[in-house]
Amino acid sequence: MKYMLMVLGSQAGYEALRGKASEGNPAWAPEEIQAMLDHMAAINNDLAESGELIDANGLSEPAQARWVSVADGGQPLITDGPYSEAKELLAGYWVLECESLERVTEIAARVARCPEPAGSPSLPVVIRPIPDAPGAGV
């Protein structure tokens, strides 16, 4: 079964990675960033070796995002980030092929144990099954 593991983040979290602390988001030191990168690389390497990894990527900060919706009258309504109404957005993901929900949950728990500075927000890792047949998840 295919699954998507989603890691959440916020604009304040990305700014903390650049050394700009805010309430609830302490600034990351270079060695803390390296520990996070090493942790994620080890996960990616292990998943590639096991054959479970289909795709994985970190995403740019919310300030570089754009939301497109439809306004009254059917015209596109385009909003550039960051989005004050959204506290947490997708920061990165893995698409995995795993034998069971239990296995993908083990991987998500490993992702969630990523090193971070003391006082950082603890955001969940979200697991979503990817149905094999179109429309099967509806």
C-alpha atoms as a PDB file:
ATOM      1  CA  MET A   1       0.000   0.000   0.000  1.00  0.00           C
ATOM      2  CA  LYS A   2       1.200   3.509  -0.746  1.00  0.00           C
ATOM      3  CA  TYR A   3       1.215   6.184   1.934  1.00  0.00           C
ATOM      4  CA  MET A   4       2.095   9.839   2.131  1.00  0.00           C
ATOM      5  CA  LEU A   5       3.870  11.030   5.256  1.00  0.00           C
ATOM      6  CA  MET A   6       3.486  14.777   5.672  1.00  0.00           C
ATOM      7  CA  VAL A   7       5.640  16.969   7.898  1.00  0.00           C
ATOM      8  CA  LEU A   8       4.056  20.244   8.945  1.00  0.00           C
ATOM      9  CA  GLY A   9       5.789  23.574   9.404  1.00  0.00           C
ATOM     10  CA  SER A  10       5.143  27.297   9.670  1.00  0.00           C
ATOM     11  CA  GLN A  11       6.644  30.501   8.375  1.00  0.00           C
ATOM     12  CA  ALA A  12       7.974  31.166  11.882  1.00  0.00           C
ATOM     13  CA  GLY A  13       9.646  27.747  11.824  1.00  0.00           C
ATOM     14  CA  TYR A  14      11.425  28.507   8.554  1.00  0.00           C
ATOM     15  CA  GLU A  15      12.547  31.865   9.958  1.00  0.00           C
ATOM     16  CA  ALA A  16      13.859  30.081  13.077  1.00  0.00           C
ATOM     17  CA  LEU A  17      15.968  27.893  10.774  1.00  0.00           C
ATOM     18  CA  ARG A  18      17.512  31.138   9.470  1.00  0.00           C
ATOM     19  CA  GLY A  19      18.318  32.235  13.027  1.00  0.00           C
ATOM     20  CA  LYS A  20      15.313  34.493  13.650  1.00  0.00           C
ATOM     21  CA  ALA A  21      13.584  33.408  16.857  1.00  0.00           C
ATOM     22  CA  SER A  22       9.971  34.198  17.680  1.00  0.00           C
ATOM     23  CA  GLU A  23       7.588  33.216  20.458  1.00  0.00           C
ATOM     24  CA  GLY A  24       7.538  29.415  20.587  1.00  0.00           C
ATOM     25  CA  ASN A  25      10.137  29.116  17.802  1.00  0.00           C
ATOM     26  CA  PRO A  26      13.713  29.328  19.085  1.00  0.00           C
ATOM     27  CA  ALA A  27      16.459  30.076  16.587  1.00  0.00           C
ATOM     28  CA  TRP A  28      18.324  27.041  15.272  1.00  0.00           C
ATOM     29  CA  ALA A  29      22.100  26.884  15.624  1.00  0.00           C
ATOM     30  CA  PRO A  30      24.077  25.582  12.614  1.00  0.00           C
ATOM     31  CA  GLU A  31      24.839  22.299  14.417  1.00  0.00           C
ATOM     32  CA  GLU A  32      21.118  21.797  15.142  1.00  0.00           C
ATOM     33  CA  ILE A  33      20.301  22.288  11.477  1.00  0.00           C
ATOM     34  CA  GLN A  34      23.002  19.779  10.547  1.00  0.00           C
ATOM     35  CA  ALA A  35      21.594  17.266  13.055  1.00  0.00           C
ATOM     36  CA  MET A  36      18.143  17.645  11.467  1.00  0.00           C
ATOM     37  CA  LEU A  37      19.548  17.209   7.955  1.00  0.00           C
ATOM     38  CA  ASP A  38      21.561  14.150   9.047  1.00  0.00           C
ATOM     39  CA  HIS A  39      18.448  12.637  10.680  1.00  0.00           C
ATOM     40  CA  MET A  40      16.358  13.097   7.529  1.00  0.00           C
ATOM     41  CA  ALA A  41      19.165  11.830   5.257  1.00  0.00           C
ATOM     42  CA  ALA A  42      19.508   8.671   7.360  1.00  0.00           C
ATOM     43  CA  ILE A  43      15.755   8.052   7.068  1.00  0.00           C
ATOM     44  CA  ASN A  44      15.867   8.606   3.301  1.00  0.00           C
ATOM     45  CA  ASN A  45      18.859   6.277   2.924  1.00  0.00           C
ATOM     46  CA  ASP A  46      17.220   3.523   4.975  1.00  0.00           C
ATOM     47  CA  LEU A  47      13.950   3.821   3.044  1.00  0.00           C
ATOM     48  CA  ALA A  48      15.789   3.745  -0.293  1.00  0.00           C
ATOM     49  CA  GLU A  49      17.699   0.619   0.812  1.00  0.00           C
ATOM     50  CA  SER A  50      14.491  -1.119   1.932  1.00  0.00           C
ATOM     51  CA  GLY A  51      12.763  -0.263  -1.362  1.00  0.00           C
ATOM     52  CA  GLU A  52       9.963   1.599   0.447  1.00  0.00           C
ATOM     53  CA  LEU A  53      10.883   5.101  -0.787  1.00  0.00           C
ATOM     54  CA  ILE A  54       9.001   6.353  -3.845  1.00  0.00           C
ATOM     55  CA  ASP A  55       9.565  10.106  -3.431  1.00  0.00           C
ATOM     56  CA  ALA A  56      10.548  12.619  -0.754  1.00  0.00           C
ATOM     57  CA  ASN A  57      11.019  16.374  -0.720  1.00  0.00           C
ATOM     58  CA  GLY A  58      11.222  19.331   1.588  1.00  0.00           C
ATOM     59  CA  LEU A  59       9.235  22.343   0.443  1.00  0.00           C
ATOM     60  CA  SER A  60      10.070  26.034   0.330  1.00  0.00           C
ATOM     61  CA  GLU A  61       8.802  28.339   3.035  1.00  0.00           C
ATOM     62  CA  PRO A  62       5.147  29.478   3.013  1.00  0.00           C
ATOM     63  CA  ALA A  63       6.248  33.019   2.057  1.00  0.00           C
ATOM     64  CA  GLN A  64       7.132  31.622  -1.383  1.00  0.00           C
ATOM     65  CA  ALA A  65       3.785  29.886  -1.857  1.00  0.00           C
ATOM     66  CA  ARG A  66       0.711  30.990  -3.753  1.00  0.00           C
ATOM     67  CA  TRP A  67      -2.921  30.007  -3.197  1.00  0.00           C
ATOM     68  CA  VAL A  68      -5.251  30.034  -6.171  1.00  0.00           C
ATOM     69  CA  SER A  69      -9.005  29.864  -5.669  1.00  0.00           C
ATOM     70  CA  VAL A  70     -12.069  31.104  -7.527  1.00  0.00           C
ATOM     71  CA  ALA A  71     -13.651  34.444  -6.629  1.00  0.00           C
ATOM     72  CA  ASP A  72     -17.265  35.431  -7.170  1.00  0.00           C
ATOM     73  CA  GLY A  73     -17.855  35.549 -10.896  1.00  0.00           C
ATOM     74  CA  GLY A  74     -15.458  32.681 -11.577  1.00  0.00           C
ATOM     75  CA  GLN A  75     -12.283  34.740 -11.807  1.00  0.00           C
ATOM     76  CA  PRO A  76      -9.078  33.383 -10.253  1.00  0.00           C
ATOM     77  CA  LEU A  77      -8.283  34.791  -6.822  1.00  0.00           C
ATOM     78  CA  ILE A  78      -4.533  34.623  -6.217  1.00  0.00           C
ATOM     79  CA  THR A  79      -3.013  35.097  -2.770  1.00  0.00           C
ATOM     80  CA  ASP A  80       0.731  35.137  -2.182  1.00  0.00           C
ATOM     81  CA  GLY A  81       2.105  33.760   1.097  1.00  0.00           C
ATOM     82  CA  PRO A  82       2.681  33.749   3.942  1.00  0.00           C
ATOM     83  CA  TYR A  83      -0.809  33.039   5.137  1.00  0.00           C
ATOM     84  CA  SER A  84      -1.676  34.462   8.523  1.00  0.00           C
ATOM     85  CA  GLU A  85      -4.855  32.363   8.615  1.00  0.00           C
ATOM     86  CA  ALA A  86      -2.865  29.112   8.327  1.00  0.00           C
ATOM     87  CA  LYS A  87      -0.676  28.342  11.328  1.00  0.00           C
ATOM     88  CA  GLU A  88       0.773  25.159   9.864  1.00  0.00           C
ATOM     89  CA  LEU A  89       1.352  24.145   6.272  1.00  0.00           C
ATOM     90  CA  LEU A  90       3.042  21.255   4.516  1.00  0.00           C
ATOM     91  CA  ALA A  91       6.820  21.544   4.948  1.00  0.00           C
ATOM     92  CA  GLY A  92       7.863  18.241   3.395  1.00  0.00           C
ATOM     93  CA  TYR A  93       6.684  14.781   2.515  1.00  0.00           C
ATOM     94  CA  TRP A  94       7.536  11.175   1.739  1.00  0.00           C
ATOM     95  CA  VAL A  95       5.589   8.883  -0.585  1.00  0.00           C
ATOM     96  CA  LEU A  96       6.225   5.330   0.576  1.00  0.00           C
ATOM     97  CA  GLU A  97       5.259   1.804  -0.399  1.00  0.00           C
ATOM     98  CA  CYS A  98       4.879  -0.072   2.890  1.00  0.00           C
ATOM     99  CA  GLU A  99       3.521  -3.482   3.800  1.00  0.00           C
ATOM    100  CA  SER A 100       1.211  -2.132   6.511  1.00  0.00           C
ATOM    101  CA  LEU A 101      -0.101   0.854   8.406  1.00  0.00           C
ATOM    102  CA  GLU A 102       1.957  -0.336  11.380  1.00  0.00           C
ATOM    103  CA  ARG A 103       5.169  -0.125   9.331  1.00  0.00           C
ATOM    104  CA  VAL A 104       4.458   3.380   8.034  1.00  0.00           C
ATOM    105  CA  THR A 105       3.549   4.418  11.592  1.00  0.00           C
ATOM    106  CA  GLU A 106       7.002   3.220  12.750  1.00  0.00           C
ATOM    107  CA  ILE A 107       8.590   5.393  10.072  1.00  0.00           C
ATOM    108  CA  ALA A 108       6.432   8.395  11.033  1.00  0.00           C
ATOM    109  CA  ALA A 109       7.501   7.976  14.671  1.00  0.00           C
ATOM    110  CA  ARG A 110      11.134   8.023  13.561  1.00  0.00           C
ATOM    111  CA  VAL A 111      10.526  11.192  11.537  1.00  0.00           C
ATOM    112  CA  ALA A 112       8.788  12.797  14.540  1.00  0.00           C
ATOM    113  CA  ARG A 113      11.880  12.185  16.685  1.00  0.00           C
ATOM    114  CA  CYS A 114      13.886  14.599  14.541  1.00  0.00           C
ATOM    115  CA  PRO A 115      16.344  16.611  16.639  1.00  0.00           C
ATOM    116  CA  GLU A 116      15.326  20.216  17.213  1.00  0.00           C
ATOM    117  CA  PRO A 117      16.162  23.039  19.620  1.00  0.00           C
ATOM    118  CA  ALA A 118      14.612  22.909  23.084  1.00  0.00           C
ATOM    119  CA  GLY A 119      11.311  24.782  23.122  1.00  0.00           C
ATOM    120  CA  SER A 120      10.490  24.141  19.457  1.00  0.00           C
ATOM    121  CA  PRO A 121       6.863  23.318  18.682  1.00  0.00           C
ATOM    122  CA  SER A 122       6.119  19.616  18.402  1.00  0.00           C
ATOM    123  CA  LEU A 123       4.203  19.227  15.149  1.00  0.00           C
ATOM    124  CA  PRO A 124       2.645  15.928  14.090  1.00  0.00           C
ATOM    125  CA  VAL A 125       3.678  13.767  11.172  1.00  0.00           C
ATOM    126  CA  VAL A 126       0.501  13.005   9.223  1.00  0.00           C
ATOM    127  CA  ILE A 127      -0.026   9.643   7.501  1.00  0.00           C
ATOM    128  CA  ARG A 128      -2.449   9.441   4.581  1.00  0.00           C
ATOM    129  CA  PRO A 129      -3.032   6.260   2.576  1.00  0.00           C
ATOM    130  CA  ILE A 130      -2.887   6.643  -1.198  1.00  0.00           C
ATOM    131  CA  PRO A 131      -5.599   4.444  -2.728  1.00  0.00           C
ATOM    132  CA  ASP A 132      -4.523   2.192  -5.600  1.00  0.00           C
ATOM    133  CA  ALA A 133      -7.659   2.759  -7.658  1.00  0.00           C
ATOM    134  CA  PRO A 134      -8.806   6.226  -8.802  1.00  0.00           C
ATOM    135  CA  GLY A 135     -11.712   7.370  -6.654  1.00  0.00           C
ATOM    136  CA  ALA A 136     -11.147   4.595  -4.078  1.00  0.00           C
ATOM    137  CA  GLY A 137     -10.376   7.097  -1.330  1.00  0.00           C
ATOM    138  CA  VAL A 138     -13.612   9.014  -1.841  1.00  0.00           C
END
